Amino acid sequence: MIAIVDYGMGNIFSIRNALEKVGADVKVTSKAEELGNSDGVVIPGVGSFGDAMKQLLPFEEKIGDSIEDGIPFLGICLGMQILFEKSQESKEPGFGIIPGEVIRLPNNVLVPQMGWNEIEIKKGIDLLDGIENGDFFYFVHSYHCVPENREMIIAITEYGTEVVAVINRDNIYAVQFHPEKSGKKGLLILKNFLRSTRC
């Protein structure tokens, strides 16, 4: 069972439908204690960093515990950003699971970035099986992640600057784009994540 964390700010309907389309047994939950019983955890997100962190505080301990227990984790868009220590968008701290920060996109481009952009793969991982350099994914964001450890950067895109599109560390996967809105390639990423929960 894949648990989708419902903290009142995610694209719950879209991500649930997409995961079910690739064969996942999905449970949308607003109860932190249910995360430990799942085979995978997904945190979607649309909105502001500070508001998200306030809503996610009841989940913080269980999210950390599930990651430490090796349960595959997928953060999407804002669900990726909250893994970091801090964001220029808010004084609220992030979870700090990934050392680094979230910074605003540069002033020389339209903000937010909203639309399709191609990715450049830096490393091959199971999450990107069947994904190729130049494949397009759908982005909606005003801020982007800068991890301290560049070894975890799996794919990037260009939008006025280098934007980290995919990161991975152990059982943590996170993407800045929205796979649930990215057509067949996005569904393939979700299918690959589902497969990781059954290893």
N, C-alpha and C. Protein backbone atom coordinates (compact mmCIF):
# COMPACT_ATOMS: atom_id res chain seq x y z
N MET A 1 0.83 -1.19 0.00
CA MET A 1 0.00 0.00 0.00
C MET A 1 0.88 1.26 0.00
N ILE A 2 0.54 2.19 -0.89
CA ILE A 2 1.24 3.46 -0.96
C ILE A 2 0.44 4.50 -0.18
N ALA A 3 1.06 5.13 0.79
CA ALA A 3 0.40 6.17 1.57
C ALA A 3 0.70 7.53 0.95
N ILE A 4 -0.36 8.27 0.60
CA ILE A 4 -0.22 9.65 0.16
C ILE A 4 -0.55 10.55 1.34
N VAL A 5 0.40 11.38 1.73
CA VAL A 5 0.19 12.25 2.89
C VAL A 5 -0.72 13.41 2.50
N ASP A 6 -1.84 13.50 3.17
CA ASP A 6 -2.80 14.58 2.93
C ASP A 6 -2.64 15.63 4.02
N TYR A 7 -1.98 16.72 3.70
CA TYR A 7 -1.80 17.81 4.66
C TYR A 7 -2.50 19.09 4.19
N GLY A 8 -3.46 18.89 3.28
CA GLY A 8 -4.31 19.98 2.87
C GLY A 8 -3.76 20.86 1.77
N MET A 9 -2.62 20.47 1.16
CA MET A 9 -2.00 21.33 0.16
C MET A 9 -1.55 20.59 -1.09
N GLY A 10 -1.79 19.31 -1.17
CA GLY A 10 -1.26 18.54 -2.29
C GLY A 10 -2.27 18.31 -3.39
N ASN A 11 -1.77 17.88 -4.54
CA ASN A 11 -2.63 17.47 -5.66
C ASN A 11 -3.10 16.04 -5.41
N ILE A 12 -3.90 15.87 -4.39
CA ILE A 12 -4.25 14.52 -3.94
C ILE A 12 -5.00 13.74 -5.02
N PHE A 13 -5.98 14.36 -5.62
CA PHE A 13 -6.80 13.67 -6.62
C PHE A 13 -5.94 13.21 -7.80
N SER A 14 -5.10 14.11 -8.32
CA SER A 14 -4.28 13.78 -9.49
C SER A 14 -3.27 12.69 -9.20
N ILE A 15 -2.57 12.80 -8.07
CA ILE A 15 -1.52 11.82 -7.78
C ILE A 15 -2.14 10.47 -7.41
N ARG A 16 -3.28 10.49 -6.75
CA ARG A 16 -3.95 9.22 -6.43
C ARG A 16 -4.37 8.51 -7.72
N ASN A 17 -5.00 9.24 -8.61
CA ASN A 17 -5.44 8.64 -9.88
C ASN A 17 -4.26 8.09 -10.67
N ALA A 18 -3.16 8.84 -10.71
CA ALA A 18 -2.00 8.41 -11.48
C ALA A 18 -1.39 7.14 -10.89
N LEU A 19 -1.27 7.09 -9.56
CA LEU A 19 -0.71 5.89 -8.93
C LEU A 19 -1.62 4.69 -9.12
N GLU A 20 -2.92 4.89 -9.02
CA GLU A 20 -3.84 3.78 -9.24
C GLU A 20 -3.78 3.30 -10.69
N LYS A 21 -3.54 4.24 -11.61
CA LYS A 21 -3.46 3.88 -13.02
C LYS A 21 -2.29 2.95 -13.30
N VAL A 22 -1.19 3.08 -12.52
CA VAL A 22 -0.04 2.20 -12.74
C VAL A 22 -0.10 0.97 -11.83
N GLY A 23 -1.23 0.76 -11.16
CA GLY A 23 -1.43 -0.47 -10.41
C GLY A 23 -1.21 -0.42 -8.92
N ALA A 24 -1.07 0.77 -8.37
CA ALA A 24 -0.81 0.89 -6.94
C ALA A 24 -2.09 0.76 -6.12
N ASP A 25 -1.95 0.15 -4.96
CA ASP A 25 -2.98 0.18 -3.93
C ASP A 25 -2.69 1.42 -3.09
N VAL A 26 -3.58 2.40 -3.11
CA VAL A 26 -3.30 3.72 -2.57
C VAL A 26 -4.20 4.01 -1.38
N LYS A 27 -3.62 4.65 -0.37
CA LYS A 27 -4.40 5.15 0.75
C LYS A 27 -4.01 6.60 1.00
N VAL A 28 -4.97 7.50 0.92
CA VAL A 28 -4.73 8.90 1.27
C VAL A 28 -4.95 9.03 2.77
N THR A 29 -3.96 9.56 3.48
CA THR A 29 -4.07 9.60 4.93
C THR A 29 -3.69 10.96 5.50
N SER A 30 -4.42 11.36 6.52
CA SER A 30 -4.06 12.54 7.29
C SER A 30 -3.64 12.14 8.70
N LYS A 31 -3.36 10.84 8.87
CA LYS A 31 -2.96 10.31 10.17
C LYS A 31 -1.50 9.83 10.09
N ALA A 32 -0.64 10.48 10.84
CA ALA A 32 0.79 10.18 10.77
C ALA A 32 1.09 8.73 11.13
N GLU A 33 0.33 8.17 12.06
CA GLU A 33 0.63 6.82 12.54
C GLU A 33 0.43 5.77 11.46
N GLU A 34 -0.29 6.10 10.41
CA GLU A 34 -0.54 5.12 9.35
C GLU A 34 0.63 4.98 8.39
N LEU A 35 1.60 5.88 8.46
CA LEU A 35 2.73 5.82 7.52
C LEU A 35 3.58 4.59 7.75
N GLY A 36 3.70 4.17 9.00
CA GLY A 36 4.55 3.03 9.31
C GLY A 36 4.05 1.72 8.76
N ASN A 37 2.77 1.66 8.41
CA ASN A 37 2.18 0.44 7.88
C ASN A 37 2.19 0.38 6.35
N SER A 38 2.82 1.37 5.73
CA SER A 38 2.79 1.46 4.27
C SER A 38 4.03 0.84 3.65
N ASP A 39 3.93 0.54 2.36
CA ASP A 39 5.08 0.03 1.60
C ASP A 39 5.83 1.17 0.90
N GLY A 40 5.21 2.33 0.84
CA GLY A 40 5.83 3.51 0.24
C GLY A 40 5.07 4.75 0.69
N VAL A 41 5.77 5.87 0.75
CA VAL A 41 5.17 7.13 1.19
C VAL A 41 5.37 8.18 0.10
N VAL A 42 4.30 8.90 -0.23
CA VAL A 42 4.37 9.97 -1.22
C VAL A 42 3.88 11.26 -0.58
N ILE A 43 4.69 12.32 -0.72
CA ILE A 43 4.25 13.66 -0.30
C ILE A 43 4.19 14.53 -1.54
N PRO A 44 2.98 14.84 -2.01
CA PRO A 44 2.82 15.77 -3.12
C PRO A 44 2.85 17.19 -2.56
N GLY A 45 2.70 18.17 -3.41
CA GLY A 45 2.66 19.51 -2.86
C GLY A 45 2.47 20.61 -3.87
N VAL A 46 1.61 21.53 -3.53
CA VAL A 46 1.44 22.78 -4.27
C VAL A 46 1.16 23.85 -3.22
N GLY A 47 1.90 24.96 -3.26
CA GLY A 47 1.68 26.01 -2.28
C GLY A 47 2.98 26.53 -1.71
N SER A 48 2.90 27.14 -0.54
CA SER A 48 4.07 27.80 0.04
C SER A 48 4.78 26.90 1.05
N PHE A 49 6.07 27.07 1.14
CA PHE A 49 6.92 26.26 2.01
C PHE A 49 6.50 26.40 3.47
N GLY A 50 6.31 27.64 3.94
CA GLY A 50 5.98 27.87 5.35
C GLY A 50 4.66 27.24 5.75
N ASP A 51 3.64 27.42 4.92
CA ASP A 51 2.34 26.83 5.22
C ASP A 51 2.41 25.31 5.22
N ALA A 52 3.19 24.77 4.28
CA ALA A 52 3.33 23.31 4.21
C ALA A 52 3.98 22.76 5.48
N MET A 53 5.04 23.42 5.94
CA MET A 53 5.73 22.92 7.12
C MET A 53 4.84 22.98 8.36
N LYS A 54 4.02 24.02 8.47
CA LYS A 54 3.10 24.10 9.60
C LYS A 54 2.10 22.94 9.56
N GLN A 55 1.61 22.62 8.38
CA GLN A 55 0.64 21.54 8.25
C GLN A 55 1.28 20.16 8.44
N LEU A 56 2.57 20.07 8.12
CA LEU A 56 3.26 18.77 8.17
C LEU A 56 3.89 18.46 9.52
N LEU A 57 3.87 19.40 10.46
CA LEU A 57 4.50 19.16 11.75
C LEU A 57 4.03 17.87 12.43
N PRO A 58 2.73 17.54 12.38
CA PRO A 58 2.30 16.28 13.01
C PRO A 58 2.89 15.04 12.35
N PHE A 59 3.38 15.18 11.13
CA PHE A 59 3.93 14.04 10.38
C PHE A 59 5.44 13.90 10.53
N GLU A 60 6.10 14.92 11.06
CA GLU A 60 7.56 15.00 10.98
C GLU A 60 8.25 13.76 11.54
N GLU A 61 7.87 13.36 12.73
CA GLU A 61 8.53 12.22 13.36
C GLU A 61 8.30 10.93 12.58
N LYS A 62 7.07 10.69 12.15
CA LYS A 62 6.75 9.46 11.44
C LYS A 62 7.38 9.42 10.05
N ILE A 63 7.47 10.57 9.40
CA ILE A 63 8.15 10.60 8.10
C ILE A 63 9.61 10.24 8.27
N GLY A 64 10.25 10.83 9.28
CA GLY A 64 11.65 10.50 9.56
C GLY A 64 11.83 9.03 9.89
N ASP A 65 10.91 8.50 10.71
CA ASP A 65 11.00 7.09 11.11
C ASP A 65 10.83 6.17 9.90
N SER A 66 9.88 6.49 9.03
CA SER A 66 9.63 5.62 7.87
C SER A 66 10.82 5.62 6.92
N ILE A 67 11.46 6.77 6.76
CA ILE A 67 12.65 6.85 5.91
C ILE A 67 13.78 6.04 6.53
N GLU A 68 13.98 6.18 7.84
CA GLU A 68 15.02 5.41 8.52
C GLU A 68 14.75 3.91 8.45
N ASP A 69 13.50 3.54 8.41
CA ASP A 69 13.13 2.12 8.33
C ASP A 69 13.27 1.56 6.91
N GLY A 70 13.66 2.41 5.98
CA GLY A 70 13.90 1.95 4.61
C GLY A 70 12.68 1.95 3.71
N ILE A 71 11.58 2.53 4.16
CA ILE A 71 10.38 2.60 3.32
C ILE A 71 10.62 3.59 2.18
N PRO A 72 10.42 3.19 0.93
CA PRO A 72 10.63 4.11 -0.19
C PRO A 72 9.77 5.36 -0.06
N PHE A 73 10.39 6.50 -0.29
CA PHE A 73 9.75 7.80 -0.12
C PHE A 73 9.86 8.57 -1.42
N LEU A 74 8.76 9.20 -1.83
CA LEU A 74 8.75 10.05 -3.02
C LEU A 74 8.19 11.41 -2.68
N GLY A 75 9.01 12.45 -2.83
CA GLY A 75 8.56 13.83 -2.65
C GLY A 75 8.36 14.48 -4.01
N ILE A 76 7.23 15.16 -4.19
CA ILE A 76 6.89 15.78 -5.47
C ILE A 76 6.76 17.28 -5.29
N CYS A 77 7.54 18.05 -6.06
CA CYS A 77 7.50 19.51 -6.07
C CYS A 77 7.73 20.06 -4.66
N LEU A 78 6.72 20.66 -4.04
CA LEU A 78 6.88 21.14 -2.67
C LEU A 78 7.22 20.00 -1.73
N GLY A 79 6.75 18.80 -2.05
CA GLY A 79 7.10 17.62 -1.26
C GLY A 79 8.57 17.27 -1.35
N MET A 80 9.27 17.75 -2.36
CA MET A 80 10.73 17.65 -2.45
C MET A 80 11.38 18.73 -1.61
N GLN A 81 10.86 19.95 -1.72
CA GLN A 81 11.50 21.08 -1.06
C GLN A 81 11.48 20.99 0.46
N ILE A 82 10.42 20.43 1.03
CA ILE A 82 10.33 20.37 2.49
C ILE A 82 11.34 19.41 3.11
N LEU A 83 11.99 18.59 2.29
CA LEU A 83 13.05 17.70 2.79
C LEU A 83 14.30 18.48 3.19
N PHE A 84 14.44 19.70 2.67
CA PHE A 84 15.67 20.48 2.87
C PHE A 84 15.62 21.26 4.19
N GLU A 85 16.76 21.86 4.54
CA GLU A 85 16.88 22.52 5.83
C GLU A 85 16.10 23.83 5.91
N LYS A 86 16.09 24.58 4.81
CA LYS A 86 15.45 25.89 4.85
C LYS A 86 15.11 26.33 3.44
N SER A 87 14.26 27.37 3.37
CA SER A 87 13.86 27.94 2.09
C SER A 87 13.84 29.45 2.18
N GLN A 88 14.24 30.11 1.11
CA GLN A 88 14.15 31.56 1.05
C GLN A 88 12.70 32.04 1.10
N GLU A 89 11.77 31.15 0.88
CA GLU A 89 10.36 31.52 0.84
C GLU A 89 9.79 31.77 2.23
N SER A 90 10.43 31.23 3.27
CA SER A 90 9.82 31.26 4.60
C SER A 90 10.87 31.17 5.69
N LYS A 91 10.51 31.67 6.87
CA LYS A 91 11.37 31.51 8.05
C LYS A 91 11.19 30.15 8.71
N GLU A 92 10.13 29.45 8.31
CA GLU A 92 9.90 28.11 8.87
C GLU A 92 11.00 27.16 8.40
N PRO A 93 11.61 26.39 9.31
CA PRO A 93 12.62 25.42 8.88
C PRO A 93 11.98 24.24 8.17
N GLY A 94 12.75 23.60 7.29
CA GLY A 94 12.31 22.36 6.67
C GLY A 94 12.63 21.18 7.56
N PHE A 95 12.40 19.98 7.05
CA PHE A 95 12.69 18.78 7.82
C PHE A 95 14.19 18.57 8.04
N GLY A 96 15.01 19.09 7.16
CA GLY A 96 16.45 18.93 7.31
C GLY A 96 16.94 17.52 7.04
N ILE A 97 16.16 16.73 6.34
CA ILE A 97 16.57 15.37 5.99
C ILE A 97 17.65 15.42 4.92
N ILE A 98 17.56 16.41 4.04
CA ILE A 98 18.57 16.63 3.00
C ILE A 98 19.29 17.94 3.31
N PRO A 99 20.61 17.92 3.57
CA PRO A 99 21.34 19.17 3.79
C PRO A 99 21.31 20.04 2.55
N GLY A 100 20.98 21.31 2.74
CA GLY A 100 20.91 22.24 1.63
C GLY A 100 19.76 23.19 1.82
N GLU A 101 19.50 24.01 0.81
CA GLU A 101 18.44 25.00 0.92
C GLU A 101 17.64 25.10 -0.37
N VAL A 102 16.53 25.82 -0.27
CA VAL A 102 15.65 26.06 -1.41
C VAL A 102 15.69 27.55 -1.71
N ILE A 103 16.02 27.90 -2.95
CA ILE A 103 16.20 29.30 -3.30
C ILE A 103 15.27 29.70 -4.45
N ARG A 104 15.05 31.00 -4.58
CA ARG A 104 14.13 31.50 -5.60
C ARG A 104 14.78 31.40 -6.98
N LEU A 105 13.95 31.14 -7.98
CA LEU A 105 14.42 31.16 -9.37
C LEU A 105 14.94 32.56 -9.71
N PRO A 106 15.87 32.67 -10.65
CA PRO A 106 16.48 33.97 -10.95
C PRO A 106 15.49 34.96 -11.57
N ASN A 107 15.84 36.24 -11.49
CA ASN A 107 14.97 37.31 -11.97
C ASN A 107 14.90 37.42 -13.48
N ASN A 108 15.79 36.71 -14.19
CA ASN A 108 15.83 36.84 -15.65
C ASN A 108 14.86 35.89 -16.36
N VAL A 109 14.01 35.20 -15.58
CA VAL A 109 13.01 34.31 -16.18
C VAL A 109 11.65 34.61 -15.54
N LEU A 110 10.59 34.18 -16.23
CA LEU A 110 9.25 34.32 -15.66
C LEU A 110 9.10 33.39 -14.46
N VAL A 111 8.56 33.94 -13.39
CA VAL A 111 8.35 33.16 -12.17
C VAL A 111 6.87 33.26 -11.79
N PRO A 112 6.21 32.14 -11.53
CA PRO A 112 6.76 30.79 -11.48
C PRO A 112 7.04 30.20 -12.86
N GLN A 113 7.95 29.23 -12.87
CA GLN A 113 8.07 28.40 -14.07
C GLN A 113 6.80 27.55 -14.13
N MET A 114 6.14 27.58 -15.25
CA MET A 114 4.90 26.82 -15.39
C MET A 114 4.82 26.26 -16.80
N GLY A 115 5.11 24.98 -16.93
CA GLY A 115 5.04 24.36 -18.23
C GLY A 115 6.03 23.22 -18.37
N TRP A 116 6.16 22.75 -19.61
CA TRP A 116 6.98 21.59 -19.90
C TRP A 116 8.44 21.98 -20.09
N ASN A 117 9.33 21.17 -19.53
CA ASN A 117 10.76 21.40 -19.71
C ASN A 117 11.47 20.06 -19.78
N GLU A 118 12.54 20.01 -20.56
CA GLU A 118 13.26 18.75 -20.72
C GLU A 118 14.29 18.57 -19.61
N ILE A 119 14.59 17.34 -19.28
CA ILE A 119 15.57 17.06 -18.25
C ILE A 119 16.85 16.48 -18.86
N GLU A 120 17.93 16.67 -18.14
CA GLU A 120 19.22 16.07 -18.48
C GLU A 120 19.60 15.12 -17.36
N ILE A 121 19.75 13.87 -17.70
CA ILE A 121 20.04 12.84 -16.70
C ILE A 121 21.53 12.80 -16.41
N LYS A 122 21.87 12.90 -15.14
CA LYS A 122 23.27 12.86 -14.71
C LYS A 122 23.69 11.45 -14.27
N LYS A 123 22.74 10.71 -13.72
CA LYS A 123 23.01 9.36 -13.24
C LYS A 123 21.78 8.50 -13.51
N GLY A 124 22.01 7.25 -13.83
CA GLY A 124 20.90 6.34 -14.01
C GLY A 124 20.51 5.68 -12.70
N ILE A 125 19.25 5.74 -12.37
CA ILE A 125 18.72 5.02 -11.21
C ILE A 125 17.42 4.33 -11.63
N ASP A 126 16.97 3.41 -10.79
CA ASP A 126 15.77 2.64 -11.13
C ASP A 126 14.56 3.53 -11.36
N LEU A 127 14.45 4.64 -10.63
CA LEU A 127 13.30 5.53 -10.78
C LEU A 127 13.17 6.05 -12.21
N LEU A 128 14.32 6.16 -12.91
CA LEU A 128 14.32 6.72 -14.26
C LEU A 128 14.44 5.65 -15.34
N ASP A 129 14.18 4.39 -15.00
CA ASP A 129 14.19 3.35 -16.03
C ASP A 129 13.21 3.72 -17.14
N GLY A 130 13.68 3.72 -18.38
CA GLY A 130 12.83 4.06 -19.51
C GLY A 130 12.74 5.54 -19.81
N ILE A 131 13.36 6.37 -18.98
CA ILE A 131 13.40 7.82 -19.19
C ILE A 131 14.71 8.17 -19.88
N GLU A 132 14.66 9.08 -20.85
CA GLU A 132 15.84 9.43 -21.63
C GLU A 132 16.14 10.92 -21.52
N ASN A 133 17.40 11.26 -21.80
CA ASN A 133 17.77 12.68 -21.90
C ASN A 133 16.86 13.38 -22.90
N GLY A 134 16.39 14.55 -22.52
CA GLY A 134 15.52 15.31 -23.42
C GLY A 134 14.04 15.04 -23.25
N ASP A 135 13.69 14.07 -22.41
CA ASP A 135 12.27 13.85 -22.13
C ASP A 135 11.71 15.06 -21.37
N PHE A 136 10.46 15.38 -21.66
CA PHE A 136 9.82 16.56 -21.07
C PHE A 136 8.91 16.18 -19.91
N PHE A 137 8.93 17.05 -18.89
CA PHE A 137 8.08 16.89 -17.72
C PHE A 137 7.47 18.24 -17.35
N TYR A 138 6.38 18.19 -16.60
CA TYR A 138 5.62 19.41 -16.31
C TYR A 138 6.05 20.00 -14.96
N PHE A 139 6.50 21.26 -15.01
CA PHE A 139 6.99 21.97 -13.82
C PHE A 139 6.04 23.11 -13.46
N VAL A 140 5.84 23.31 -12.16
CA VAL A 140 5.15 24.50 -11.64
C VAL A 140 5.83 24.86 -10.32
N HIS A 141 6.69 25.87 -10.34
CA HIS A 141 7.41 26.24 -9.11
C HIS A 141 8.07 27.60 -9.26
N SER A 142 8.31 28.23 -8.11
CA SER A 142 9.01 29.51 -8.05
C SER A 142 10.37 29.38 -7.36
N TYR A 143 10.58 28.26 -6.68
CA TYR A 143 11.81 28.03 -5.93
C TYR A 143 12.40 26.68 -6.35
N HIS A 144 13.70 26.52 -6.14
CA HIS A 144 14.34 25.26 -6.51
C HIS A 144 15.37 24.86 -5.47
N CYS A 145 15.69 23.58 -5.45
CA CYS A 145 16.51 22.99 -4.40
C CYS A 145 18.01 23.00 -4.75
N VAL A 146 18.81 23.30 -3.74
CA VAL A 146 20.27 23.28 -3.90
C VAL A 146 20.85 22.37 -2.82
N PRO A 147 21.03 21.09 -3.11
CA PRO A 147 21.59 20.18 -2.10
C PRO A 147 23.08 20.43 -1.90
N GLU A 148 23.54 20.30 -0.66
CA GLU A 148 24.97 20.44 -0.37
C GLU A 148 25.78 19.35 -1.07
N ASN A 149 25.25 18.16 -1.07
CA ASN A 149 25.93 17.02 -1.68
C ASN A 149 25.43 16.84 -3.11
N ARG A 150 26.23 17.24 -4.07
CA ARG A 150 25.82 17.16 -5.47
C ARG A 150 25.78 15.72 -5.97
N GLU A 151 26.32 14.80 -5.21
CA GLU A 151 26.30 13.39 -5.62
C GLU A 151 24.86 12.85 -5.69
N MET A 152 23.94 13.49 -4.97
CA MET A 152 22.57 12.99 -4.98
C MET A 152 21.74 13.57 -6.12
N ILE A 153 22.34 14.45 -6.92
CA ILE A 153 21.62 15.03 -8.06
C ILE A 153 21.57 14.00 -9.19
N ILE A 154 20.38 13.60 -9.57
CA ILE A 154 20.18 12.57 -10.59
C ILE A 154 19.87 13.18 -11.95
N ALA A 155 19.11 14.27 -11.96
CA ALA A 155 18.75 14.93 -13.22
C ALA A 155 18.55 16.41 -12.96
N ILE A 156 18.81 17.20 -13.99
CA ILE A 156 18.64 18.65 -13.90
C ILE A 156 17.78 19.13 -15.08
N THR A 157 17.34 20.36 -14.99
CA THR A 157 16.75 21.05 -16.12
C THR A 157 17.32 22.47 -16.12
N GLU A 158 17.12 23.19 -17.20
CA GLU A 158 17.60 24.57 -17.28
C GLU A 158 16.41 25.51 -17.33
N TYR A 159 16.43 26.48 -16.42
CA TYR A 159 15.42 27.53 -16.46
C TYR A 159 16.03 28.81 -15.87
N GLY A 160 16.83 29.47 -16.69
CA GLY A 160 17.57 30.63 -16.24
C GLY A 160 18.78 30.29 -15.41
N THR A 161 18.82 29.08 -14.93
CA THR A 161 19.91 28.54 -14.14
C THR A 161 19.74 27.02 -14.10
N GLU A 162 20.70 26.33 -13.56
CA GLU A 162 20.54 24.90 -13.37
C GLU A 162 19.52 24.65 -12.27
N VAL A 163 18.51 23.89 -12.58
CA VAL A 163 17.47 23.52 -11.61
C VAL A 163 17.55 22.02 -11.39
N VAL A 164 17.67 21.61 -10.14
CA VAL A 164 17.71 20.19 -9.82
C VAL A 164 16.32 19.61 -10.01
N ALA A 165 16.22 18.62 -10.88
CA ALA A 165 14.92 18.04 -11.22
C ALA A 165 14.64 16.74 -10.47
N VAL A 166 15.69 15.97 -10.17
CA VAL A 166 15.53 14.68 -9.49
C VAL A 166 16.70 14.50 -8.52
N ILE A 167 16.40 14.08 -7.30
CA ILE A 167 17.45 13.69 -6.36
C ILE A 167 17.15 12.29 -5.83
N ASN A 168 18.21 11.66 -5.33
CA ASN A 168 18.06 10.32 -4.73
C ASN A 168 19.15 10.10 -3.70
N ARG A 169 18.72 9.60 -2.55
CA ARG A 169 19.66 9.12 -1.54
C ARG A 169 19.03 7.92 -0.87
N ASP A 170 19.65 6.77 -1.08
CA ASP A 170 19.12 5.54 -0.50
C ASP A 170 17.65 5.35 -0.92
N ASN A 171 16.73 5.30 0.04
CA ASN A 171 15.32 5.07 -0.28
C ASN A 171 14.53 6.37 -0.48
N ILE A 172 15.24 7.51 -0.54
CA ILE A 172 14.58 8.80 -0.75
C ILE A 172 14.68 9.18 -2.23
N TYR A 173 13.53 9.40 -2.84
CA TYR A 173 13.45 9.91 -4.20
C TYR A 173 12.64 11.21 -4.16
N ALA A 174 13.04 12.19 -4.95
CA ALA A 174 12.27 13.43 -5.00
C ALA A 174 12.43 14.07 -6.37
N VAL A 175 11.34 14.67 -6.83
CA VAL A 175 11.32 15.29 -8.15
C VAL A 175 10.70 16.69 -8.04
N GLN A 176 11.27 17.65 -8.78
CA GLN A 176 10.73 19.00 -8.76
C GLN A 176 9.50 19.13 -9.66
N PHE A 177 9.41 18.30 -10.67
CA PHE A 177 8.27 18.34 -11.58
C PHE A 177 7.11 17.52 -11.04
N HIS A 178 6.01 17.53 -11.77
CA HIS A 178 4.82 16.77 -11.38
C HIS A 178 4.66 15.56 -12.31
N PRO A 179 5.06 14.38 -11.87
CA PRO A 179 4.90 13.19 -12.73
C PRO A 179 3.44 12.90 -13.03
N GLU A 180 2.56 13.23 -12.10
CA GLU A 180 1.13 12.95 -12.30
C GLU A 180 0.51 13.82 -13.39
N LYS A 181 1.24 14.85 -13.83
CA LYS A 181 0.76 15.74 -14.89
C LYS A 181 1.67 15.68 -16.12
N SER A 182 2.53 14.67 -16.17
CA SER A 182 3.56 14.60 -17.21
C SER A 182 3.35 13.47 -18.20
N GLY A 183 2.11 13.09 -18.42
CA GLY A 183 1.83 12.11 -19.47
C GLY A 183 2.43 10.74 -19.21
N LYS A 184 2.75 10.04 -20.30
CA LYS A 184 3.23 8.66 -20.20
C LYS A 184 4.56 8.55 -19.46
N LYS A 185 5.45 9.52 -19.68
CA LYS A 185 6.75 9.47 -19.00
C LYS A 185 6.59 9.67 -17.49
N GLY A 186 5.67 10.53 -17.11
CA GLY A 186 5.40 10.72 -15.69
C GLY A 186 4.83 9.47 -15.05
N LEU A 187 3.92 8.83 -15.76
CA LEU A 187 3.36 7.57 -15.25
C LEU A 187 4.42 6.50 -15.13
N LEU A 188 5.38 6.51 -16.05
CA LEU A 188 6.47 5.54 -15.98
C LEU A 188 7.30 5.73 -14.72
N ILE A 189 7.55 6.98 -14.35
CA ILE A 189 8.29 7.25 -13.11
C ILE A 189 7.51 6.72 -11.91
N LEU A 190 6.22 6.95 -11.89
CA LEU A 190 5.41 6.44 -10.78
C LEU A 190 5.38 4.92 -10.76
N LYS A 191 5.36 4.32 -11.93
CA LYS A 191 5.41 2.86 -12.01
C LYS A 191 6.74 2.33 -11.48
N ASN A 192 7.82 3.03 -11.81
CA ASN A 192 9.14 2.64 -11.30
C ASN A 192 9.20 2.79 -9.78
N PHE A 193 8.60 3.86 -9.26
CA PHE A 193 8.57 4.02 -7.80
C PHE A 193 7.77 2.89 -7.16
N LEU A 194 6.63 2.56 -7.74
CA LEU A 194 5.83 1.46 -7.24
C LEU A 194 6.64 0.17 -7.20
N ARG A 195 7.42 -0.07 -8.24
CA ARG A 195 8.24 -1.27 -8.30
C ARG A 195 9.27 -1.28 -7.16
N SER A 196 9.80 -0.10 -6.80
CA SER A 196 10.79 -0.03 -5.73
C SER A 196 10.19 -0.42 -4.38
N THR A 197 8.89 -0.25 -4.23
CA THR A 197 8.25 -0.60 -2.96
C THR A 197 8.04 -2.09 -2.81
N ARG A 198 8.29 -2.84 -3.88
CA ARG A 198 8.03 -4.29 -3.83
C ARG A 198 9.31 -5.11 -3.88
N CYS A 199 10.46 -4.43 -3.75
CA CYS A 199 11.75 -5.13 -3.81
C CYS A 199 11.99 -5.90 -2.52
